[in-house]
């Protein structure tokens, strides 16, 4: 299944807008032939994994939400977990698509629903990722306090639970908040953290994102050469990955750099490339930004017709997605167009709107709170590290105690076994002694019997010899009798 999407970074791969209805119709026919809901979910996920059309994705997530939502009554079996996880991820990814299309309210509701399910599952990694998305929603609305709060909540989890992609996204999003607060050093610090994690884990997509945002900081600082270097390095990776959203962002950033150096033809060329992709993706935020950039370029060359056309389209799009920063920028550009058209009434209205949006973003209390949140996070992080270190020490101590206890138990068991062996050998020895005594006694009895038998034989022989006359004497007597 498509993994959790972090919409603020737009970690999609490739999109197109062709054959949408036929693909969905084909999928629905296939689903009607399947009876098992788990098989239906597998079929829809297969469609998502092999589809490049984000609109088709949105419809597929609707189907997954509907199918998985029927199986949320219990959480006892592996299959129950399967349905819950599919439901939560589908909610999250559907919300991300809604966010891209400017549907802030529905996206926030879906993110919160997904968050509840991830918490129920005990899925800390995706829970943290969902916190990033909720923070991103508030970030886009200009509520930087809430955005930072959600980002730091996520960061606490991600620095314990391994989820590299989410950690990279969280660092970049926090950096974006500080960039909006004009704390460029803090922003650069978080972008560089993101780059270090990406390089360590050989995450090319993360590396490309980090390059892109680091380039923006150098662009803001006026170092155009280094900014372009980072943008082109990011673009190269994005093109290799065929990441259309990332390519569009790079085009827009390169165009902005050329615009700031008054190389307007090059700037317009890159902005048009970016706009083409954003229009295909229906990425309203990117569309609004790029239209505003084009309007500024044409305003510089005094082409008021094109400047007004792009500025008005950009402003209308910005209002739909309710982003204070984009509305502020669009209002400023449209104000400048109205001033050149000498339409001072509308220019004044745009000026008031621009000030209103700026005030909502540049509130000093927001900046102080952001700093406090960062300090609080660092403090809590140190506390957590100290706690983990102590737990590690306790674990080592427990392991040592367990090892000693094992050694003691092994000694006791060994001693008992040796004692049993000695007792067994002693028993055998005593039994052997007893047997030897019996054998000796029997031998003695046999010898005695033999002696008795021999004595009897010798005695009988003596009697026999005593009773029988001597042969010579007998013969002599017989000879004497003959002579007579």
Protein backbone atom coordinates (compact mmCIF):
# COMPACT_ATOMS: atom_id res chain seq x y z
CA UNK A 1 0.00 0.00 0.00
CA UNK A 2 1.15 3.56 -0.60
CA UNK A 3 2.97 4.62 2.51
CA UNK A 4 1.99 7.55 4.67
CA UNK A 5 2.21 10.82 2.75
CA UNK A 6 3.60 13.99 4.32
CA UNK A 7 1.70 16.60 2.36
CA UNK A 8 3.81 19.58 3.41
CA UNK A 9 6.73 18.01 1.56
CA UNK A 10 4.51 16.45 -1.10
CA UNK A 11 6.36 13.16 -1.18
CA UNK A 12 4.56 11.80 -4.21
CA UNK A 13 6.34 10.35 -7.21
CA UNK A 14 4.66 10.73 -10.56
CA UNK A 15 1.21 11.84 -11.64
CA UNK A 16 -0.78 12.18 -14.81
CA UNK A 17 -4.34 12.86 -15.79
CA UNK A 18 -5.31 10.31 -18.37
CA UNK A 19 -7.89 7.52 -18.56
CA UNK A 20 -9.23 8.21 -15.08
CA UNK A 21 -12.82 7.05 -15.62
CA UNK A 22 -11.90 3.91 -17.54
CA UNK A 23 -9.41 2.85 -14.87
CA UNK A 24 -11.88 3.39 -12.05
CA UNK A 25 -14.65 1.61 -13.96
CA UNK A 26 -12.31 -1.33 -14.57
CA UNK A 27 -11.38 -1.42 -10.88
CA UNK A 28 -15.03 -1.32 -9.77
CA UNK A 29 -15.90 -4.21 -12.11
CA UNK A 30 -13.02 -6.22 -10.65
CA UNK A 31 -14.15 -5.45 -7.09
CA UNK A 32 -17.70 -6.57 -7.87
CA UNK A 33 -16.32 -10.01 -8.73
CA UNK A 34 -14.49 -10.35 -5.41
CA UNK A 35 -16.38 -11.47 -2.31
CA UNK A 36 -13.65 -11.18 0.31
CA UNK A 37 -13.02 -7.65 1.64
CA UNK A 38 -9.32 -8.32 2.26
CA UNK A 39 -8.98 -9.36 -1.39
CA UNK A 40 -10.78 -6.18 -2.46
CA UNK A 41 -8.37 -4.08 -0.39
CA UNK A 42 -5.40 -5.89 -1.96
CA UNK A 43 -6.81 -5.16 -5.44
CA UNK A 44 -7.30 -1.45 -4.69
CA UNK A 45 -3.80 -1.15 -3.19
CA UNK A 46 -2.37 -2.83 -6.28
CA UNK A 47 -4.16 -0.25 -8.40
CA UNK A 48 -2.68 2.58 -6.28
CA UNK A 49 0.84 1.14 -6.44
CA UNK A 50 0.69 0.90 -10.23
CA UNK A 51 -1.18 4.16 -10.91
CA UNK A 52 0.32 7.58 -11.56
CA UNK A 53 -2.88 9.62 -11.51
CA UNK A 54 -3.43 11.34 -8.17
CA UNK A 55 -7.14 11.78 -8.90
CA UNK A 56 -7.47 8.00 -9.24
CA UNK A 57 -5.61 7.68 -5.95
CA UNK A 58 -8.20 9.88 -4.25
CA UNK A 59 -11.06 7.69 -5.48
CA UNK A 60 -9.15 4.55 -4.47
CA UNK A 61 -8.65 5.89 -0.95
CA UNK A 62 -12.40 6.56 -0.74
CA UNK A 63 -13.02 2.91 -1.64
CA UNK A 64 -10.46 1.71 0.93
CA UNK A 65 -11.99 3.88 3.64
CA UNK A 66 -15.41 2.47 2.87
CA UNK A 67 -14.29 -1.19 2.84
CA UNK A 68 -11.96 -1.01 5.86
CA UNK A 69 -14.42 1.10 7.84
CA UNK A 70 -16.82 -1.85 8.05
CA UNK A 71 -14.33 -3.85 10.13
CA UNK A 72 -13.48 -1.56 13.05
CA UNK A 73 -15.63 -3.17 15.74
CA UNK A 74 -12.82 -5.15 17.38
CA UNK A 75 -9.03 -5.33 17.48
CA UNK A 76 -8.27 -8.90 18.50
CA UNK A 77 -6.94 -10.67 15.42
CA UNK A 78 -4.28 -9.99 12.80
CA UNK A 79 -7.04 -9.38 10.27
CA UNK A 80 -8.59 -6.74 12.56
CA UNK A 81 -5.22 -4.99 12.68
CA UNK A 82 -4.97 -5.19 8.88
CA UNK A 83 -8.33 -3.43 8.43
CA UNK A 84 -7.53 -0.75 11.04
CA UNK A 85 -4.12 0.02 9.50
CA UNK A 86 -5.57 0.24 5.97
CA UNK A 87 -8.34 2.50 7.26
CA UNK A 88 -5.93 4.89 9.03
CA UNK A 89 -3.44 5.09 6.16
CA UNK A 90 -6.23 5.67 3.64
CA UNK A 91 -7.63 8.49 5.80
CA UNK A 92 -4.17 10.06 6.07
CA UNK A 93 -3.40 9.86 2.35
CA UNK A 94 -6.87 11.05 1.33
CA UNK A 95 -6.42 14.02 3.68
CA UNK A 96 -3.04 14.77 2.07
CA UNK A 97 -4.64 14.87 -1.37
CA UNK A 98 -7.44 17.11 -0.06
CA UNK A 99 -4.78 19.43 1.37
CA UNK A 100 -3.09 19.74 -2.01
CA UNK A 101 -6.45 20.64 -3.55
CA UNK A 102 -7.00 23.31 -0.90
CA UNK A 103 -9.66 21.49 1.13
CA UNK A 104 -8.22 22.39 4.55
CA UNK A 105 -11.23 21.63 6.76
CA UNK A 106 -11.86 18.12 5.46
CA UNK A 107 -8.17 17.26 5.41
CA UNK A 108 -7.76 18.26 9.07
CA UNK A 109 -10.78 16.17 10.06
CA UNK A 110 -9.40 13.11 8.23
CA UNK A 111 -5.93 13.53 9.74
CA UNK A 112 -7.42 13.59 13.25
CA UNK A 113 -9.48 10.48 12.53
CA UNK A 114 -6.36 8.68 11.32
CA UNK A 115 -4.48 9.84 14.43
CA UNK A 116 -7.07 8.19 16.71
CA UNK A 117 -6.76 4.87 14.87
CA UNK A 118 -2.94 4.92 14.92
CA UNK A 119 -3.08 5.56 18.67
CA UNK A 120 -5.49 2.66 19.09
CA UNK A 121 -3.10 0.42 17.14
CA UNK A 122 -0.13 1.58 19.20
CA UNK A 123 1.58 2.49 15.91
CA UNK A 124 3.94 5.22 17.14
CA UNK A 125 5.77 5.67 13.83
CA UNK A 126 2.65 6.46 11.80
CA UNK A 127 1.16 8.35 14.75
CA UNK A 128 4.18 10.68 14.62
CA UNK A 129 3.86 11.00 10.83
CA UNK A 130 0.20 11.97 11.21
CA UNK A 131 1.17 14.63 13.77
CA UNK A 132 3.44 16.14 11.10
CA UNK A 133 0.54 16.33 8.67
CA UNK A 134 -1.75 17.97 11.21
CA UNK A 135 1.01 20.45 12.02
CA UNK A 136 1.40 21.11 8.30
CA UNK A 137 -2.29 21.90 8.01
CA UNK A 138 -2.05 24.55 10.73
CA UNK A 139 1.22 25.74 9.20
CA UNK A 140 -0.50 26.41 5.87
CA UNK A 141 -3.26 28.29 7.67
CA UNK A 142 -0.69 30.52 9.36
CA UNK A 143 -1.25 29.08 12.85
CA UNK A 144 2.46 28.65 13.54
CA UNK A 145 1.99 28.06 17.29
CA UNK A 146 -0.08 24.94 16.74
CA UNK A 147 2.11 23.86 13.83
CA UNK A 148 5.26 23.96 15.98
CA UNK A 149 3.47 22.19 18.81
CA UNK A 150 2.53 19.26 16.56
CA UNK A 151 5.97 19.17 14.93
CA UNK A 152 7.72 19.00 18.30
CA UNK A 153 5.30 16.32 19.54
CA UNK A 154 6.23 14.30 16.49
CA UNK A 155 9.94 14.97 16.88
CA UNK A 156 9.94 13.59 20.44
CA UNK A 157 8.59 10.30 19.12
CA UNK A 158 10.70 10.16 15.96
CA UNK A 159 14.01 10.59 17.78
CA UNK A 160 13.17 7.41 19.72
CA UNK A 161 11.11 5.46 17.17
CA UNK A 162 12.93 4.96 13.86
CA UNK A 163 11.02 6.49 10.95
CA UNK A 164 13.64 8.19 8.80
CA UNK A 165 11.30 9.63 6.18
CA UNK A 166 9.07 11.21 8.82
CA UNK A 167 12.06 12.57 10.76
CA UNK A 168 13.40 14.23 7.60
CA UNK A 169 9.98 15.78 6.91
CA UNK A 170 9.68 17.01 10.51
CA UNK A 171 13.07 18.77 10.45
CA UNK A 172 12.23 20.49 7.16
CA UNK A 173 8.78 21.57 8.34
CA UNK A 174 10.19 23.09 11.53
CA UNK A 175 12.78 24.84 9.40
CA UNK A 176 9.95 26.21 7.24
CA UNK A 177 8.25 27.71 10.30
CA UNK A 178 11.44 29.55 11.30
CA UNK A 179 11.88 30.71 7.71
CA UNK A 180 8.40 32.23 7.87
CA UNK A 181 9.40 33.93 11.13
CA UNK A 182 12.50 35.31 9.33
CA UNK A 183 14.79 33.36 11.67
CA UNK A 184 16.90 32.12 8.79
CA UNK A 185 19.75 30.74 10.90
CA UNK A 186 17.34 28.52 12.85
CA UNK A 187 15.71 27.46 9.59
CA UNK A 188 19.08 26.58 8.04
CA UNK A 189 20.01 24.61 11.17
CA UNK A 190 16.95 22.37 10.80
CA UNK A 191 17.42 21.99 7.02
CA UNK A 192 21.00 20.87 7.63
CA UNK A 193 19.78 18.37 10.24
CA UNK A 194 17.46 17.01 7.60
CA UNK A 195 20.35 16.77 5.12
CA UNK A 196 22.56 14.91 7.63
CA UNK A 197 19.85 12.32 8.34
CA UNK A 198 19.15 11.92 4.61
CA UNK A 199 22.81 11.46 3.72
CA UNK A 200 23.37 9.04 6.58
CA UNK A 201 20.47 6.89 5.40
CA UNK A 202 21.17 7.41 1.68
CA UNK A 203 17.69 8.86 1.19
CA UNK A 204 18.04 10.61 -2.19
CA UNK A 205 14.57 12.14 -2.01
CA UNK A 206 15.36 13.61 1.41
CA UNK A 207 18.71 14.88 0.16
CA UNK A 208 16.98 16.62 -2.76
CA UNK A 209 14.45 18.29 -0.43
CA UNK A 210 17.21 19.48 1.91
CA UNK A 211 19.18 20.92 -1.04
CA UNK A 212 16.06 22.75 -2.20
CA UNK A 213 15.33 24.41 1.16
CA UNK A 214 18.97 25.21 1.90
CA UNK A 215 19.03 26.88 -1.52
CA UNK A 216 16.05 29.01 -0.50
CA UNK A 217 17.94 30.31 2.56
CA UNK A 218 20.94 31.27 0.42
CA UNK A 219 18.52 32.91 -2.02
CA UNK A 220 17.01 34.98 0.79
CA UNK A 221 20.49 35.96 2.00
CA UNK A 222 21.33 37.19 -1.51
CA UNK A 223 23.86 34.47 -2.34
CA UNK A 224 22.37 33.70 -5.76
CA UNK A 225 25.24 31.55 -7.05
CA UNK A 226 25.16 29.14 -4.11
CA UNK A 227 21.34 29.13 -4.16
CA UNK A 228 21.27 28.08 -7.83
CA UNK A 229 23.90 25.43 -7.13
CA UNK A 230 21.66 23.81 -4.50
CA UNK A 231 18.53 24.16 -6.69
CA UNK A 232 20.19 22.48 -9.67
CA UNK A 233 21.55 19.66 -7.47
CA UNK A 234 18.02 19.14 -6.12
CA UNK A 235 16.54 19.26 -9.64
CA UNK A 236 18.96 16.61 -10.90
CA UNK A 237 17.88 14.14 -8.20
CA UNK A 238 14.20 14.98 -8.67
CA UNK A 239 14.46 14.33 -12.40
CA UNK A 240 16.19 11.00 -11.76
CA UNK A 241 13.40 10.06 -9.34
CA UNK A 242 10.75 11.40 -11.78
CA UNK A 243 9.27 13.39 -8.88
CA UNK A 244 7.07 15.89 -10.72
CA UNK A 245 6.14 17.83 -7.60
CA UNK A 246 9.80 18.20 -6.67
CA UNK A 247 10.72 19.18 -10.22
CA UNK A 248 7.99 21.83 -10.18
CA UNK A 249 9.29 23.24 -6.89
CA UNK A 250 12.85 23.40 -8.25
CA UNK A 251 11.69 25.16 -11.42
CA UNK A 252 9.83 27.70 -9.30
CA UNK A 253 12.83 28.32 -7.04
CA UNK A 254 15.23 28.65 -9.96
CA UNK A 255 12.79 31.06 -11.60
CA UNK A 256 12.59 33.11 -8.41
CA UNK A 257 16.39 33.37 -8.27
CA UNK A 258 16.52 34.62 -11.87
CA UNK A 259 13.68 37.06 -11.10
CA UNK A 260 15.63 38.53 -8.20
CA UNK A 261 18.63 39.05 -10.49
CA UNK A 262 16.38 40.69 -13.12
CA UNK A 263 16.92 37.88 -15.63
CA UNK A 264 13.20 37.95 -16.40
CA UNK A 265 13.05 35.89 -19.64
CA UNK A 266 14.81 32.98 -17.85
CA UNK A 267 12.56 33.46 -14.83
CA UNK A 268 9.37 33.40 -16.92
CA UNK A 269 10.58 30.26 -18.72
CA UNK A 270 11.09 28.36 -15.46
CA UNK A 271 7.84 29.66 -13.92
CA UNK A 272 5.89 28.44 -16.96
CA UNK A 273 7.50 25.00 -16.65
CA UNK A 274 6.57 24.91 -12.98
CA UNK A 275 3.00 26.07 -13.69
CA UNK A 276 2.45 23.37 -16.32
CA UNK A 277 3.27 20.63 -13.82
CA UNK A 278 1.28 22.23 -10.98
CA UNK A 279 -1.79 22.56 -13.19
CA UNK A 280 -1.58 18.86 -14.09
CA UNK A 281 -1.26 17.93 -10.43
CA UNK A 282 -4.04 20.33 -9.35
CA UNK A 283 -1.63 21.60 -6.69
CA UNK A 284 -3.43 24.86 -5.80
CA UNK A 285 -0.75 26.12 -3.43
CA UNK A 286 1.95 25.76 -6.09
CA UNK A 287 -0.37 27.20 -8.73
CA UNK A 288 -1.06 30.30 -6.63
CA UNK A 289 2.65 30.87 -5.90
CA UNK A 290 3.71 30.44 -9.52
CA UNK A 291 0.94 32.64 -10.89
CA UNK A 292 2.00 35.36 -8.46
CA UNK A 293 5.63 35.02 -9.59
CA UNK A 294 4.63 35.32 -13.25
CA UNK A 295 2.51 38.38 -12.45
CA UNK A 296 5.51 40.04 -10.78
CA UNK A 297 7.71 39.32 -13.81
CA UNK A 298 5.22 40.89 -16.24
CA UNK A 299 4.73 43.78 -13.83
CA UNK A 300 8.49 44.44 -14.03
CA UNK A 301 8.37 44.68 -17.83
CA UNK A 302 5.19 46.79 -17.58
CA UNK A 303 2.94 44.28 -19.36
CA UNK A 304 -0.11 45.17 -17.24
CA UNK A 305 -2.54 42.95 -19.15
CA UNK A 306 -0.59 39.77 -18.45
CA UNK A 307 0.41 40.99 -14.99
CA UNK A 308 -3.23 41.54 -14.02
CA UNK A 309 -4.34 38.21 -15.53
CA UNK A 310 -1.78 36.18 -13.59
CA UNK A 311 -2.15 38.25 -10.40
CA UNK A 312 -5.96 37.88 -10.36
CA UNK A 313 -5.81 34.14 -10.99
CA UNK A 314 -3.18 33.77 -8.28
CA UNK A 315 -5.18 35.80 -5.79
CA UNK A 316 -8.40 33.87 -6.45
CA UNK A 317 -6.54 30.57 -5.98
CA UNK A 318 -4.85 31.81 -2.79
CA UNK A 319 -8.19 32.78 -1.25
CA UNK A 320 -9.54 29.26 -1.93
CA UNK A 321 -6.73 27.59 -0.02
CA UNK A 322 -6.85 30.14 2.86
CA UNK A 323 -3.08 30.46 3.25
CA UNK A 324 -2.23 33.83 4.89
CA UNK A 325 1.24 34.04 3.39
CA UNK A 326 0.08 33.28 -0.16
CA UNK A 327 -2.88 35.65 0.19
CA UNK A 328 -0.51 38.34 1.48
CA UNK A 329 1.87 37.91 -1.46
CA UNK A 330 -0.97 37.82 -4.00
CA UNK A 331 -2.64 40.89 -2.45
CA UNK A 332 0.68 42.78 -2.62
CA UNK A 333 1.15 41.94 -6.31
CA UNK A 334 -2.45 42.78 -7.20
CA UNK A 335 -2.13 46.05 -5.25
CA UNK A 336 0.88 47.03 -7.36
CA UNK A 337 -1.02 46.18 -10.56
CA UNK A 338 -4.02 48.29 -9.48
CA UNK A 339 -1.69 51.17 -8.61
CA UNK A 340 -0.20 51.11 -12.12
CA UNK A 341 -3.72 50.94 -13.52
CA UNK A 342 -4.55 53.93 -11.27
CA UNK A 343 -7.36 51.95 -9.68
CA UNK A 344 -6.55 53.27 -6.21
CA UNK A 345 -9.72 52.07 -4.52
CA UNK A 346 -9.00 48.42 -5.28
CA UNK A 347 -5.32 48.99 -4.57
CA UNK A 348 -6.25 50.27 -1.08
CA UNK A 349 -8.43 47.19 -0.47
CA UNK A 350 -5.53 44.93 -1.41
CA UNK A 351 -3.21 46.97 0.82
CA UNK A 352 -5.51 46.48 3.83
CA UNK A 353 -5.76 42.76 3.15
CA UNK A 354 -1.99 42.52 2.82
CA UNK A 355 -1.48 44.25 6.18
CA UNK A 356 -4.07 42.02 7.83
CA UNK A 357 -2.35 38.85 6.59
CA UNK A 358 1.09 40.19 7.53
CA UNK A 359 -0.06 41.00 11.06
CA UNK A 360 -1.41 37.51 11.46
CA UNK A 361 2.00 36.10 10.48
CA UNK A 362 4.49 38.54 12.00
CA UNK A 363 3.07 38.60 15.51
CA UNK A 364 5.97 39.06 17.95
CA UNK A 365 4.25 36.84 20.48
CA UNK A 366 4.27 34.07 17.90
CA UNK A 367 8.02 34.49 17.46
CA UNK A 368 8.60 34.46 21.23
CA UNK A 369 6.43 31.39 21.61
CA UNK A 370 8.32 29.67 18.78
CA UNK A 371 11.61 30.32 20.58
CA UNK A 372 10.13 29.08 23.86
CA UNK A 373 8.88 25.94 22.15
CA UNK A 374 12.31 25.31 20.68
CA UNK A 375 14.03 25.87 24.04
CA UNK A 376 11.40 23.73 25.76
CA UNK A 377 11.94 20.98 23.22
CA UNK A 378 15.73 21.12 23.70
CA UNK A 379 15.25 21.00 27.49
CA UNK A 380 12.78 18.12 27.26
CA UNK A 381 15.09 16.38 24.80
CA UNK A 382 17.96 16.64 27.29
CA UNK A 383 15.69 15.35 30.04
CA UNK A 384 14.67 12.48 27.79
CA UNK A 385 18.31 11.76 26.93
CA UNK A 386 19.20 11.82 30.63
CA UNK A 387 16.27 9.55 31.38
CA UNK A 388 17.29 7.16 28.60
CA UNK A 389 20.92 7.24 29.83
CA UNK A 390 19.75 6.45 33.39
CA UNK A 391 17.48 3.71 32.09
CA UNK A 392 20.46 2.35 30.14
CA UNK A 393 22.57 2.39 33.32
CA UNK A 394 19.75 0.74 35.27
CA UNK A 395 19.45 -1.85 32.53
CA UNK A 396 23.20 -2.55 32.67
CA UNK A 397 23.00 -2.83 36.46
CA UNK A 398 20.01 -5.15 36.22
CA UNK A 399 21.82 -7.23 33.62
CA UNK A 400 24.89 -7.41 35.88
CA UNK A 401 22.71 -8.45 38.82
CA UNK A 402 20.97 -11.00 36.66
CA UNK A 403 24.34 -12.26 35.45
CA UNK A 404 25.57 -12.57 39.03
CA UNK A 405 22.36 -14.30 40.00
CA UNK A 406 22.80 -16.67 37.07
CA UNK A 407 26.41 -17.35 38.07
CA UNK A 408 25.29 -17.99 41.66
CA UNK A 409 22.51 -20.28 40.48
CA UNK A 410 24.93 -22.07 38.16
CA UNK A 411 27.33 -22.53 41.12
CA UNK A 412 24.57 -23.85 43.36
CA UNK A 413 23.30 -26.18 40.66
CA UNK A 414 26.87 -27.31 39.91
CA UNK A 415 27.60 -27.86 43.60
CA UNK A 416 24.42 -29.89 44.01
CA UNK A 417 25.28 -31.95 40.93
CA UNK A 418 28.82 -32.60 42.25
CA UNK A 419 27.40 -33.53 45.66
CA UNK A 420 24.92 -35.90 44.03
CA UNK A 421 27.76 -37.38 42.00
CA UNK A 422 29.86 -37.87 45.15
CA UNK A 423 26.93 -39.47 46.96
CA UNK A 424 26.30 -41.71 43.97
CA UNK A 425 29.97 -42.73 43.85
CA UNK A 426 30.00 -43.33 47.63
CA UNK A 427 26.86 -45.46 47.32
CA UNK A 428 28.42 -47.47 44.52
CA UNK A 429 31.59 -47.86 46.59
CA UNK A 430 29.62 -49.14 49.59
CA UNK A 431 27.61 -51.49 47.40
CA UNK A 432 30.84 -52.76 45.82
CA UNK A 433 32.37 -53.29 49.29
CA UNK A 434 29.31 -55.24 50.40
CA UNK A 435 29.39 -57.29 47.22
CA UNK A 436 33.11 -58.04 47.73
CA UNK A 437 32.42 -59.22 51.28
CA UNK A 438 29.69 -61.51 50.01
CA UNK A 439 31.99 -62.86 47.30
CA UNK A 440 34.84 -63.44 49.79
CA UNK A 441 32.48 -65.19 52.17
CA UNK A 442 31.16 -67.39 49.38
CA UNK A 443 34.74 -68.13 48.28
CA UNK A 444 35.59 -69.07 51.86
CA UNK A 445 32.59 -71.38 52.03
CA UNK A 446 33.57 -73.02 48.74
CA UNK A 447 37.15 -73.49 49.88
CA UNK A 448 35.95 -74.96 53.17
CA UNK A 449 33.71 -77.33 51.28
CA UNK A 450 36.56 -78.32 49.02
CA UNK A 451 38.80 -78.98 52.05
CA UNK A 452 36.12 -81.10 53.63
CA UNK A 453 35.74 -83.10 50.44
CA UNK A 454 39.51 -83.64 50.11
CA UNK A 455 39.79 -84.64 53.75
CA UNK A 456 37.02 -87.16 53.25
CA UNK A 457 38.77 -88.55 50.19
CA UNK A 458 42.10 -88.85 52.00
CA UNK A 459 40.45 -90.49 54.98
CA UNK A 460 38.68 -93.04 52.80
CA UNK A 461 41.94 -93.83 51.05
CA UNK A 462 43.70 -94.47 54.34
CA UNK A 463 40.94 -96.81 55.41
CA UNK A 464 41.18 -98.62 52.10
CA UNK A 465 44.92 -98.97 52.36
CA UNK A 466 44.59 -100.28 55.89
CA UNK A 467 42.05 -102.93 54.91
CA UNK A 468 43.76 -104.29 51.77
CA UNK A 469 46.75 -106.81 52.36
CA UNK A 470 50.18 -106.36 50.84
CA UNK A 471 50.48 -108.06 47.41
CA UNK A 472 53.98 -109.43 48.05
CA UNK A 473 52.94 -110.89 51.30
CA UNK A 474 49.95 -112.57 49.73
CA UNK A 475 52.01 -114.05 46.95
CA UNK A 476 54.52 -115.38 49.50
CA UNK A 477 51.78 -117.06 51.44
CA UNK A 478 50.39 -118.69 48.35
CA UNK A 479 53.84 -120.01 47.43
CA UNK A 480 54.27 -121.53 50.90
CA UNK A 481 50.96 -123.30 50.61
CA UNK A 482 51.92 -124.86 47.29
CA UNK A 483 55.07 -126.28 48.73
CA UNK A 484 53.21 -128.08 51.29
